[in-house]
Amino acid sequence: MVSGFLVTRMGSEFLPNLDEGDIAMHALRIPGTSLGQAISQQKQLEDAIKQLPEVERVFAKIGTAEVATEAAPPSVADNFIILKDRKDWPDPDKSKNQVVADLEAVVTPIPGNRYEFLQPIQMRFNELIAGVRAELAVKVFGDDHDALVALGAEIGKVLNTVPGAADVAVEQATGLPVYTIKPKRETLARLGLNVADVQDLVAAALGGEVAGQLYEGDRRSEIIVRLPEQLRSKPEALSSLPVPLPGGGYVPLGEVVEAELVSGLNQVNRENGKRRVVVTANVRGRDLGSFVKDVQSAVAERVELPSGYWLDYGGTFEQLQSASKRLAIVVPVTLLLIGGLLYMALGSVRDAAVIFSGVPLALTGGVLALWLRGIPLSISAGVGFIALSGIAVLNGLVMVSFIRDLRKSGMGLDESIIEGAMTRLRPVLMTALVAGLGFVPMAFNSGIGSEVQRPLATVVIGGILSSTLLTLLVLPGLYRLLARKATSVVSS
């Protein structure tokens, strides 16, 4: 009962985050940032990052490559921060989380940037799993884009209040500066101009228009006419652009149109045929499973969705859910197979049940060990529980089969149990010690990959301790109790 209560209080995650040794920092800038401005900001950012004594070097990827496997605007930069070996750090005992915190404190004062902190491989796997780089993605679906942006901002505020949330960000769906030119139809009609004439003039001035072709031998090039760059980038220069009148003469473009710089849509993303806006967040200082539950309850309580809008939660926790569903099938099937094999080996449901009683106590020890070390449940721990069941059954089978052999040779019940327990003490201890001591280095390892090894080893060691006590102390008494009941039933 106590272990069952602890399970409900323990967190859960798909797999513990591996310490890859390096940091991937996603720098997001204002939509519409030019490539030159982005490079200038990137140099400033890298100079600040190199100030940390733990950093060996830093490099970044900006925009979209020729092979557009990952399309991104110039306002987005992936920074890969390579750290020195721990022995070269000023404080080798410093945690990776503290390094990330120091990095965040250094880069936050730099204006014009927003950051997300992950690891290189972890970031790519998150993209493959859920299409986003963060560990949690709250996807808002609907029709009206402005309503989606408003709901995303509201959900982002809610996520910031959940303990453990870090790098909360709403998808940059708006904010792209757009220069709009709206014709004054009454003025155009009074001057005898058509809207199409003004549109053609503006299109030629800004986008260019083919005026002819240039032949150079067998080469042919188009001659494009448009305004020079210094004029195209200045709204006041465009307002002075002369528009020819039908009766002769000219009028400035600013007299017949309304031109203004507005904030437009940066991107419109769709999924399954519906518009969507994504709110992302990473998790620090707690497990992913309980964090997602808190987020879901907080959003359901504080965010009211209009009719026709819905949410979808994505991220690495989706793998936790799918793996948990598979384990919910695999574990009972495995235990049934173990029970069936025990019955085939012993030919007695009673003796098989006695041996099988070692499995619950072994699982209890594994849960207690995880709780004492503060390790959440994960798929790695689940694999440890499955392995632990086999070890517990093996020790019980060694004990019970020997007691059965002694009884078949004519020895009494009590004498068989005492002799069997004493004789099989050494083999049971050897089996338990070999398995338990073999996992000790994994349980206390701190190298690369130790995050996955620790839950498995902790479960096995804790379960072996409890199952060994059961096999040596409880199992003989339980066998005697059930054997006496069976004898009394037969004699009556």
Protein backbone atom coordinates (compact mmCIF):
# COMPACT_ATOMS: atom_id res chain seq x y z
CA MET A 1 0.00 0.00 0.00
CA VAL A 2 2.79 2.37 0.89
CA SER A 3 4.57 1.67 -2.40
CA GLY A 4 1.32 2.15 -4.32
CA PHE A 5 0.87 5.52 -2.64
CA LEU A 6 4.46 6.49 -3.49
CA VAL A 7 3.91 5.60 -7.15
CA THR A 8 1.06 8.11 -7.33
CA ARG A 9 3.35 10.78 -5.83
CA MET A 10 6.36 10.06 -8.04
CA GLY A 11 6.89 11.86 -11.30
CA SER A 12 7.25 10.25 -14.69
CA GLU A 13 9.20 10.83 -17.88
CA PHE A 14 9.91 8.99 -21.09
CA LEU A 15 13.67 8.79 -20.66
CA PRO A 16 15.94 10.88 -18.44
CA ASN A 17 17.62 13.73 -20.31
CA LEU A 18 21.11 12.71 -21.33
CA ASP A 19 23.89 15.19 -20.65
CA GLU A 20 25.34 15.58 -24.14
CA GLY A 21 28.12 17.82 -22.84
CA ASP A 22 27.20 20.75 -25.10
CA ILE A 23 24.39 23.32 -25.31
CA ALA A 24 22.10 24.25 -28.19
CA MET A 25 20.74 27.78 -27.82
CA HIS A 26 17.95 28.90 -30.12
CA ALA A 27 18.11 32.69 -30.64
CA LEU A 28 14.96 34.29 -32.05
CA ARG A 29 15.00 37.89 -33.21
CA ILE A 30 12.37 40.34 -34.46
CA PRO A 31 10.63 39.06 -37.61
CA GLY A 32 11.90 40.84 -40.70
CA THR A 33 15.43 41.23 -39.35
CA SER A 34 17.80 41.51 -42.30
CA LEU A 35 20.70 39.13 -42.78
CA GLY A 36 23.25 41.88 -42.13
CA GLN A 37 21.56 42.95 -38.93
CA ALA A 38 21.26 39.31 -37.80
CA ILE A 39 24.98 38.73 -38.36
CA SER A 40 25.82 41.90 -36.41
CA GLN A 41 23.62 40.76 -33.50
CA GLN A 42 25.11 37.27 -33.70
CA LYS A 43 28.66 38.59 -33.31
CA GLN A 44 27.61 40.54 -30.24
CA LEU A 45 25.92 37.42 -28.83
CA GLU A 46 28.91 35.16 -29.44
CA ASP A 47 31.30 37.65 -27.81
CA ALA A 48 29.14 37.55 -24.68
CA ILE A 49 28.95 33.73 -24.67
CA LYS A 50 32.73 33.37 -24.95
CA GLN A 51 33.10 35.22 -21.66
CA LEU A 52 31.99 32.11 -19.76
CA PRO A 53 35.04 30.13 -18.61
CA GLU A 54 33.34 26.80 -19.35
CA VAL A 55 32.86 27.61 -23.06
CA GLU A 56 35.45 26.36 -25.53
CA ARG A 57 33.89 27.73 -28.74
CA VAL A 58 30.56 28.71 -30.24
CA PHE A 59 29.22 28.71 -33.78
CA ALA A 60 25.81 29.38 -35.27
CA LYS A 61 23.59 28.66 -38.26
CA ILE A 62 21.45 31.50 -39.58
CA GLY A 63 18.70 31.32 -42.16
CA THR A 64 18.14 28.61 -44.76
CA ALA A 65 20.86 26.64 -46.53
CA GLU A 66 20.88 25.88 -50.26
CA VAL A 67 19.48 22.44 -49.48
CA ALA A 68 16.52 23.62 -47.42
CA THR A 69 16.21 20.68 -45.06
CA GLU A 70 15.35 23.17 -42.34
CA ALA A 71 13.81 26.38 -43.65
CA ALA A 72 14.26 29.34 -41.31
CA PRO A 73 14.31 33.12 -41.79
CA PRO A 74 17.40 35.25 -41.04
CA SER A 75 15.78 36.23 -37.75
CA VAL A 76 16.37 32.70 -36.38
CA ALA A 77 19.82 31.44 -35.32
CA ASP A 78 20.84 28.03 -33.97
CA ASN A 79 23.81 28.48 -31.63
CA PHE A 80 25.90 25.42 -30.80
CA ILE A 81 27.96 26.05 -27.66
CA ILE A 82 30.81 23.57 -27.20
CA LEU A 83 31.90 23.25 -23.58
CA LYS A 84 35.36 22.39 -22.29
CA ASP A 85 36.11 19.15 -20.46
CA ARG A 86 34.98 19.29 -16.84
CA LYS A 87 38.57 19.03 -15.62
CA ASP A 88 39.24 22.37 -17.34
CA TRP A 89 36.36 24.16 -15.64
CA PRO A 90 37.14 26.53 -12.76
CA ASP A 91 34.71 24.44 -10.69
CA PRO A 92 34.57 20.82 -12.00
CA ASP A 93 31.69 20.04 -9.62
CA LYS A 94 29.48 22.68 -11.20
CA SER A 95 26.27 21.24 -12.60
CA LYS A 96 25.16 21.57 -16.21
CA ASN A 97 21.98 23.34 -15.09
CA GLN A 98 24.07 25.97 -13.34
CA VAL A 99 26.10 26.53 -16.51
CA VAL A 100 22.86 27.05 -18.45
CA ALA A 101 21.68 29.48 -15.77
CA ASP A 102 24.95 31.44 -16.02
CA LEU A 103 24.65 31.46 -19.80
CA GLU A 104 21.10 32.76 -19.59
CA ALA A 105 22.19 35.53 -17.24
CA VAL A 106 24.92 36.60 -19.69
CA VAL A 107 22.81 36.67 -22.89
CA THR A 108 19.50 37.99 -21.50
CA PRO A 109 20.65 41.66 -21.27
CA ILE A 110 21.49 41.68 -25.00
CA PRO A 111 18.55 43.46 -26.71
CA GLY A 112 16.59 42.08 -29.62
CA ASN A 113 16.91 38.37 -28.79
CA ARG A 114 14.76 35.68 -27.21
CA TYR A 115 16.28 32.33 -26.27
CA GLU A 116 15.54 28.63 -25.84
CA PHE A 117 18.11 26.34 -24.21
CA LEU A 118 18.38 22.66 -25.13
CA GLN A 119 21.01 20.21 -26.32
CA PRO A 120 21.93 19.51 -29.96
CA ILE A 121 20.70 15.92 -30.24
CA GLN A 122 17.75 16.54 -27.92
CA MET A 123 16.63 19.51 -30.04
CA ARG A 124 16.69 17.44 -33.24
CA PHE A 125 14.80 14.56 -31.66
CA ASN A 126 12.14 16.94 -30.36
CA GLU A 127 11.72 18.25 -33.91
CA LEU A 128 11.34 14.72 -35.26
CA ILE A 129 8.84 13.71 -32.58
CA ALA A 130 6.55 16.74 -32.37
CA GLY A 131 7.73 19.19 -35.04
CA VAL A 132 8.97 21.66 -32.40
CA ARG A 133 12.31 22.05 -30.68
CA ALA A 134 11.03 22.34 -27.12
CA GLU A 135 10.04 19.54 -24.76
CA LEU A 136 6.38 20.59 -24.58
CA ALA A 137 4.23 22.10 -27.32
CA VAL A 138 0.70 23.35 -26.80
CA LYS A 139 -0.91 23.60 -30.24
CA VAL A 140 -3.96 25.84 -30.63
CA PHE A 141 -6.16 25.07 -33.65
CA GLY A 142 -8.86 27.24 -35.18
CA ASP A 143 -9.87 29.45 -38.10
CA ASP A 144 -9.28 33.09 -37.16
CA HIS A 145 -5.57 33.89 -37.02
CA ASP A 146 -5.94 36.86 -34.68
CA ALA A 147 -7.94 34.74 -32.24
CA LEU A 148 -5.24 32.03 -32.37
CA VAL A 149 -2.51 34.57 -31.59
CA ALA A 150 -4.53 35.95 -28.66
CA LEU A 151 -5.17 32.45 -27.28
CA GLY A 152 -1.49 31.57 -27.68
CA ALA A 153 -0.45 34.66 -25.71
CA GLU A 154 -2.94 33.77 -22.97
CA ILE A 155 -1.70 30.18 -22.76
CA GLY A 156 1.90 31.44 -22.64
CA LYS A 157 1.07 33.52 -19.56
CA VAL A 158 -0.48 30.46 -17.92
CA LEU A 159 2.58 28.31 -18.67
CA ASN A 160 4.86 30.89 -17.05
CA THR A 161 3.02 30.37 -13.74
CA VAL A 162 3.53 26.57 -13.70
CA PRO A 163 6.54 25.52 -11.57
CA GLY A 164 9.35 24.10 -13.68
CA ALA A 165 8.46 25.97 -16.88
CA ALA A 166 11.41 27.48 -18.74
CA ASP A 167 11.91 29.16 -22.12
CA VAL A 168 8.17 29.68 -22.59
CA ALA A 169 7.61 31.11 -26.07
CA VAL A 170 4.65 31.81 -28.31
CA GLU A 171 5.18 31.17 -32.00
CA GLN A 172 6.16 34.35 -33.86
CA ALA A 173 3.04 34.47 -35.99
CA THR A 174 2.93 38.28 -36.24
CA GLY A 175 5.35 41.19 -36.11
CA LEU A 176 6.67 41.20 -39.67
CA PRO A 177 6.90 44.83 -40.87
CA VAL A 178 4.83 45.26 -44.04
CA TYR A 179 4.70 48.39 -46.19
CA THR A 180 1.09 48.72 -47.42
CA ILE A 181 -0.05 50.98 -50.25
CA LYS A 182 -3.81 51.61 -50.50
CA PRO A 183 -5.14 53.61 -53.46
CA LYS A 184 -7.38 56.66 -52.87
CA ARG A 185 -10.10 55.73 -55.29
CA GLU A 186 -11.91 59.10 -55.21
CA THR A 187 -8.71 60.99 -55.99
CA LEU A 188 -7.82 58.54 -58.75
CA ALA A 189 -11.27 58.96 -60.33
CA ARG A 190 -11.01 62.74 -60.17
CA LEU A 191 -7.63 62.67 -61.93
CA GLY A 192 -8.75 60.09 -64.49
CA LEU A 193 -6.37 57.39 -63.27
CA ASN A 194 -7.01 53.65 -62.97
CA VAL A 195 -6.03 51.55 -59.98
CA ALA A 196 -4.27 49.15 -62.34
CA ASP A 197 -2.05 51.96 -63.64
CA VAL A 198 -0.89 52.83 -60.12
CA GLN A 199 -0.37 49.17 -59.27
CA ASP A 200 1.76 48.63 -62.37
CA LEU A 201 3.85 51.69 -61.52
CA VAL A 202 4.47 50.57 -57.93
CA ALA A 203 5.22 47.00 -59.05
CA ALA A 204 7.80 48.26 -61.56
CA ALA A 205 9.40 50.63 -59.04
CA LEU A 206 9.72 48.08 -56.24
CA GLY A 207 9.77 44.67 -57.89
CA GLY A 208 11.08 45.61 -61.29
CA GLU A 209 9.74 45.11 -64.79
CA VAL A 210 11.31 43.62 -67.90
CA ALA A 211 12.10 46.44 -70.35
CA GLY A 212 13.99 44.41 -72.94
CA GLN A 213 16.65 41.81 -73.54
CA LEU A 214 20.43 42.03 -73.88
CA TYR A 215 22.19 39.66 -76.29
CA GLU A 216 25.86 38.82 -75.77
CA GLY A 217 26.80 36.18 -78.28
CA ASP A 218 24.63 33.17 -77.50
CA ARG A 219 23.79 34.53 -74.06
CA ARG A 220 20.52 36.34 -73.46
CA SER A 221 19.77 38.41 -70.36
CA GLU A 222 16.69 40.35 -69.39
CA ILE A 223 16.91 44.09 -68.72
CA ILE A 224 15.05 44.89 -65.49
CA VAL A 225 14.01 48.46 -64.67
CA ARG A 226 13.35 49.44 -61.06
CA LEU A 227 14.30 52.03 -58.47
CA PRO A 228 17.73 51.78 -56.83
CA GLU A 229 17.99 50.15 -53.40
CA GLN A 230 18.47 53.42 -51.47
CA LEU A 231 15.16 54.75 -52.83
CA ARG A 232 13.20 51.50 -52.53
CA SER A 233 14.00 51.29 -48.81
CA LYS A 234 12.77 54.84 -48.07
CA PRO A 235 8.98 55.35 -47.82
CA GLU A 236 9.32 59.13 -48.32
CA ALA A 237 11.12 58.55 -51.61
CA LEU A 238 8.28 56.34 -52.82
CA SER A 239 5.78 59.03 -51.91
CA SER A 240 7.58 61.38 -54.34
CA LEU A 241 7.43 58.88 -57.21
CA PRO A 242 5.81 60.72 -60.21
CA VAL A 243 2.60 59.21 -61.55
CA PRO A 244 1.83 60.24 -65.19
CA LEU A 245 -1.66 61.70 -65.78
CA PRO A 246 -3.76 60.86 -68.85
CA GLY A 247 -3.90 64.51 -70.00
CA GLY A 248 -0.22 65.11 -69.42
CA GLY A 249 1.75 66.11 -66.38
CA TYR A 250 2.53 64.21 -63.22
CA VAL A 251 1.28 63.85 -59.66
CA PRO A 252 3.26 62.49 -56.68
CA LEU A 253 2.37 58.95 -55.66
CA GLY A 254 1.70 60.15 -52.10
CA GLU A 255 -1.26 62.23 -53.41
CA VAL A 256 -3.15 59.24 -54.81
CA VAL A 257 -2.33 56.48 -52.28
CA GLU A 258 -2.14 55.96 -48.52
CA ALA A 259 1.17 54.36 -47.61
CA GLU A 260 2.03 53.13 -44.11
CA LEU A 261 4.28 50.62 -42.38
CA VAL A 262 2.21 48.09 -40.39
CA SER A 263 2.86 44.93 -38.44
CA GLY A 264 1.74 41.99 -40.56
CA LEU A 265 1.69 38.20 -40.35
CA ASN A 266 5.09 36.59 -39.98
CA GLN A 267 3.90 33.07 -40.78
CA VAL A 268 0.68 31.08 -41.07
CA ASN A 269 1.17 27.42 -40.21
CA ARG A 270 -1.33 24.65 -40.82
CA GLU A 271 -1.62 21.12 -39.53
CA ASN A 272 -4.23 18.61 -40.68
CA GLY A 273 -5.86 21.32 -42.75
CA LYS A 274 -6.31 23.77 -39.85
CA ARG A 275 -4.46 26.90 -38.85
CA ARG A 276 -2.48 26.56 -35.67
CA VAL A 277 -0.29 28.55 -33.31
CA VAL A 278 2.19 26.77 -31.04
CA VAL A 279 3.22 27.67 -27.49
CA THR A 280 6.44 25.91 -26.46
CA ALA A 281 8.17 25.37 -23.12
CA ASN A 282 11.06 23.42 -21.65
CA VAL A 283 11.15 21.78 -18.23
CA ARG A 284 13.79 22.35 -15.56
CA GLY A 285 13.98 21.07 -12.02
CA ARG A 286 11.12 18.55 -12.23
CA ASP A 287 9.86 15.59 -14.22
CA LEU A 288 8.04 16.00 -17.51
CA GLY A 289 4.98 13.87 -16.68
CA SER A 290 3.80 15.83 -13.64
CA PHE A 291 4.66 19.11 -15.38
CA VAL A 292 2.38 18.29 -18.32
CA LYS A 293 -0.44 17.33 -15.95
CA ASP A 294 -0.10 20.67 -14.13
CA VAL A 295 -0.06 22.53 -17.44
CA GLN A 296 -3.17 20.74 -18.69
CA SER A 297 -5.11 21.42 -15.50
CA ALA A 298 -3.98 25.09 -15.38
CA VAL A 299 -4.89 25.71 -19.03
CA ALA A 300 -8.26 23.97 -18.69
CA GLU A 301 -9.05 26.05 -15.60
CA ARG A 302 -7.86 29.49 -16.74
CA VAL A 303 -8.20 29.53 -20.54
CA GLU A 304 -11.63 29.54 -22.16
CA LEU A 305 -11.59 28.29 -25.74
CA PRO A 306 -14.19 29.68 -28.17
CA SER A 307 -16.38 27.30 -30.13
CA GLY A 308 -14.45 25.72 -33.00
CA TYR A 309 -11.04 26.00 -31.30
CA TRP A 310 -9.19 23.18 -29.57
CA LEU A 311 -5.82 22.27 -28.07
CA ASP A 312 -3.37 19.49 -28.72
CA TYR A 313 -0.40 18.74 -26.48
CA GLY A 314 2.75 17.51 -28.18
CA GLY A 315 6.37 16.87 -27.30
CA THR A 316 8.46 14.11 -25.81
CA PHE A 317 5.73 13.23 -23.30
CA GLU A 318 3.80 11.73 -26.25
CA GLN A 319 6.44 9.01 -26.33
CA LEU A 320 5.90 8.50 -22.60
CA GLN A 321 2.19 7.98 -23.17
CA SER A 322 2.65 5.55 -26.05
CA ALA A 323 5.37 3.62 -24.20
CA SER A 324 3.20 3.44 -21.06
CA LYS A 325 0.36 1.97 -23.11
CA ARG A 326 2.69 -0.66 -24.53
CA LEU A 327 4.04 -1.51 -21.09
CA ALA A 328 0.47 -1.82 -19.81
CA ILE A 329 0.16 -4.73 -22.25
CA VAL A 330 3.68 -6.16 -22.15
CA VAL A 331 4.04 -6.33 -18.35
CA PRO A 332 0.83 -8.34 -17.63
CA VAL A 333 1.61 -10.67 -20.54
CA THR A 334 5.14 -11.17 -19.21
CA LEU A 335 3.85 -11.96 -15.71
CA LEU A 336 1.29 -14.40 -17.13
CA LEU A 337 4.04 -16.15 -19.09
CA ILE A 338 6.17 -16.39 -15.95
CA GLY A 339 3.23 -17.88 -14.05
CA GLY A 340 2.56 -20.34 -16.85
CA LEU A 341 6.19 -21.45 -16.97
CA LEU A 342 6.21 -21.92 -13.19
CA TYR A 343 3.12 -24.10 -13.36
CA MET A 344 4.65 -26.16 -16.19
CA ALA A 345 7.85 -26.61 -14.17
CA LEU A 346 6.20 -27.44 -10.83
CA GLY A 347 2.83 -28.87 -11.80
CA SER A 348 1.23 -27.09 -8.82
CA VAL A 349 -0.73 -23.86 -8.78
CA ARG A 350 -0.02 -23.51 -5.04
CA ASP A 351 3.74 -23.75 -5.39
CA ALA A 352 3.73 -21.47 -8.43
CA ALA A 353 1.73 -18.88 -6.44
CA VAL A 354 4.20 -19.11 -3.54
CA ILE A 355 7.12 -18.38 -5.87
CA PHE A 356 5.19 -15.70 -7.72
CA SER A 357 4.57 -13.87 -4.43
CA GLY A 358 8.17 -12.70 -4.63
CA VAL A 359 7.38 -10.42 -7.57
CA PRO A 360 5.19 -7.85 -5.70
CA LEU A 361 7.71 -7.49 -2.88
CA ALA A 362 10.54 -7.12 -5.38
CA LEU A 363 8.61 -4.36 -7.15
CA THR A 364 7.98 -2.72 -3.77
CA GLY A 365 11.71 -2.56 -3.09
CA GLY A 366 12.34 -1.02 -6.51
CA VAL A 367 9.74 1.69 -5.93
CA LEU A 368 11.17 2.52 -2.50
CA ALA A 369 14.68 2.75 -3.95
CA LEU A 370 13.53 5.19 -6.65
CA TRP A 371 11.70 7.29 -4.08
CA LEU A 372 14.68 7.45 -1.73
CA ARG A 373 16.96 8.64 -4.56
CA GLY A 374 14.39 11.09 -5.94
CA ILE A 375 14.32 9.46 -9.37
CA PRO A 376 11.03 9.63 -11.33
CA LEU A 377 9.49 6.66 -13.08
CA SER A 378 10.64 6.20 -16.66
CA ILE A 379 10.87 3.58 -19.36
CA SER A 380 14.38 2.79 -18.12
CA ALA A 381 12.96 2.05 -14.67
CA GLY A 382 10.19 -0.03 -16.28
CA VAL A 383 12.79 -2.24 -17.95
CA GLY A 384 14.41 -2.65 -14.54
CA PHE A 385 11.12 -3.82 -13.03
CA ILE A 386 10.76 -6.47 -15.75
CA ALA A 387 14.30 -7.73 -15.18
CA LEU A 388 13.70 -7.70 -11.44
CA SER A 389 10.68 -9.96 -11.77
CA GLY A 390 12.81 -12.61 -13.41
CA ILE A 391 15.46 -12.48 -10.66
CA ALA A 392 12.84 -12.71 -7.90
CA VAL A 393 11.17 -15.71 -9.54
CA LEU A 394 14.52 -17.43 -10.08
CA ASN A 395 15.47 -17.21 -6.38
CA GLY A 396 12.06 -18.42 -5.29
CA LEU A 397 12.21 -21.33 -7.72
CA VAL A 398 15.62 -22.37 -6.35
CA MET A 399 14.21 -22.47 -2.82
CA VAL A 400 10.84 -24.13 -3.45
CA SER A 401 12.09 -26.76 -5.89
CA PHE A 402 14.67 -27.94 -3.36
CA ILE A 403 12.08 -28.12 -0.56
CA ARG A 404 9.83 -30.16 -2.87
CA ASP A 405 12.67 -32.60 -3.59
CA LEU A 406 13.31 -33.06 0.12
CA ARG A 407 9.64 -33.81 0.73
CA LYS A 408 9.59 -36.34 -2.11
CA SER A 409 12.55 -38.13 -0.49
CA GLY A 410 10.43 -38.74 2.63
CA MET A 411 11.44 -35.85 4.88
CA GLY A 412 8.74 -34.13 6.92
CA LEU A 413 7.30 -30.70 6.05
CA ASP A 414 9.00 -28.68 8.78
CA GLU A 415 12.31 -30.48 8.38
CA SER A 416 12.20 -29.99 4.61
CA ILE A 417 11.55 -26.28 4.95
CA ILE A 418 14.33 -25.76 7.52
CA GLU A 419 16.81 -27.88 5.59
CA GLY A 420 15.87 -26.25 2.28
CA ALA A 421 16.16 -22.71 3.67
CA MET A 422 19.57 -23.41 5.22
CA THR A 423 20.94 -25.31 2.24
CA ARG A 424 19.77 -22.82 -0.35
CA LEU A 425 20.86 -19.77 1.66
CA ARG A 426 24.20 -19.59 -0.10
CA PRO A 427 22.93 -20.03 -3.72
CA VAL A 428 20.18 -17.42 -3.16
CA LEU A 429 22.65 -14.93 -1.70
CA MET A 430 25.10 -15.58 -4.52
CA THR A 431 22.45 -14.97 -7.16
CA ALA A 432 21.30 -11.78 -5.42
CA LEU A 433 24.81 -10.45 -4.81
CA VAL A 434 25.98 -11.09 -8.38
CA ALA A 435 23.01 -9.21 -9.81
CA GLY A 436 22.98 -6.50 -7.14
CA LEU A 437 26.71 -5.76 -7.01
CA GLY A 438 26.91 -5.81 -10.81
CA PHE A 439 24.49 -2.87 -10.94
CA VAL A 440 26.18 -0.79 -8.22
CA PRO A 441 28.60 0.97 -10.63
CA MET A 442 25.66 1.84 -12.90
CA ALA A 443 23.63 3.19 -9.99
CA PHE A 444 26.34 5.67 -8.98
CA ASN A 445 27.84 6.38 -12.40
CA SER A 446 28.14 10.06 -13.36
CA GLY A 447 29.55 9.77 -16.89
CA ILE A 448 27.87 10.14 -20.27
CA GLY A 449 24.75 7.98 -20.43
CA SER A 450 24.50 7.58 -16.66
CA GLU A 451 21.11 9.33 -16.62
CA VAL A 452 19.56 6.30 -18.35
CA GLN A 453 21.52 3.72 -16.36
CA ARG A 454 20.72 5.05 -12.89
CA PRO A 455 16.94 4.34 -12.82
CA LEU A 456 17.41 0.77 -14.11
CA ALA A 457 20.21 -0.02 -11.67
CA THR A 458 18.40 1.59 -8.73
CA VAL A 459 15.27 -0.48 -9.36
CA VAL A 460 17.21 -3.73 -9.63
CA ILE A 461 19.30 -3.13 -6.49
CA GLY A 462 16.34 -2.06 -4.35
CA GLY A 463 14.17 -4.90 -5.62
CA ILE A 464 16.88 -7.51 -5.08
CA LEU A 465 17.24 -6.47 -1.43
CA SER A 466 13.52 -6.81 -0.75
CA SER A 467 13.03 -9.97 -2.81
CA THR A 468 16.02 -11.67 -1.14
CA LEU A 469 14.54 -10.97 2.29
CA LEU A 470 11.27 -12.44 1.08
CA THR A 471 12.94 -15.53 -0.35
CA LEU A 472 14.96 -16.25 2.80
CA LEU A 473 12.42 -15.27 5.50
CA VAL A 474 8.87 -14.96 4.21
CA LEU A 475 8.74 -17.55 1.43
CA PRO A 476 9.53 -20.60 3.69
CA GLY A 477 6.84 -19.54 6.16
CA LEU A 478 4.34 -18.92 3.37
CA TYR A 479 5.11 -22.33 1.85
CA ARG A 480 4.59 -24.02 5.24
CA LEU A 481 1.28 -22.22 5.77
CA LEU A 482 -0.17 -23.17 2.39
CA ALA A 483 1.19 -26.73 2.58
CA ARG A 484 -0.45 -27.30 5.99
CA LYS A 485 -3.75 -25.95 4.69
CA ALA A 486 -3.58 -28.26 1.70
CA THR A 487 -2.76 -31.24 3.98
CA SER A 488 -5.66 -30.47 6.31
CA VAL A 489 -8.08 -30.19 3.36
CA VAL A 490 -6.96 -33.57 1.99
CA SER A 491 -7.20 -35.32 5.41
CA SER A 492 -10.68 -33.93 6.07
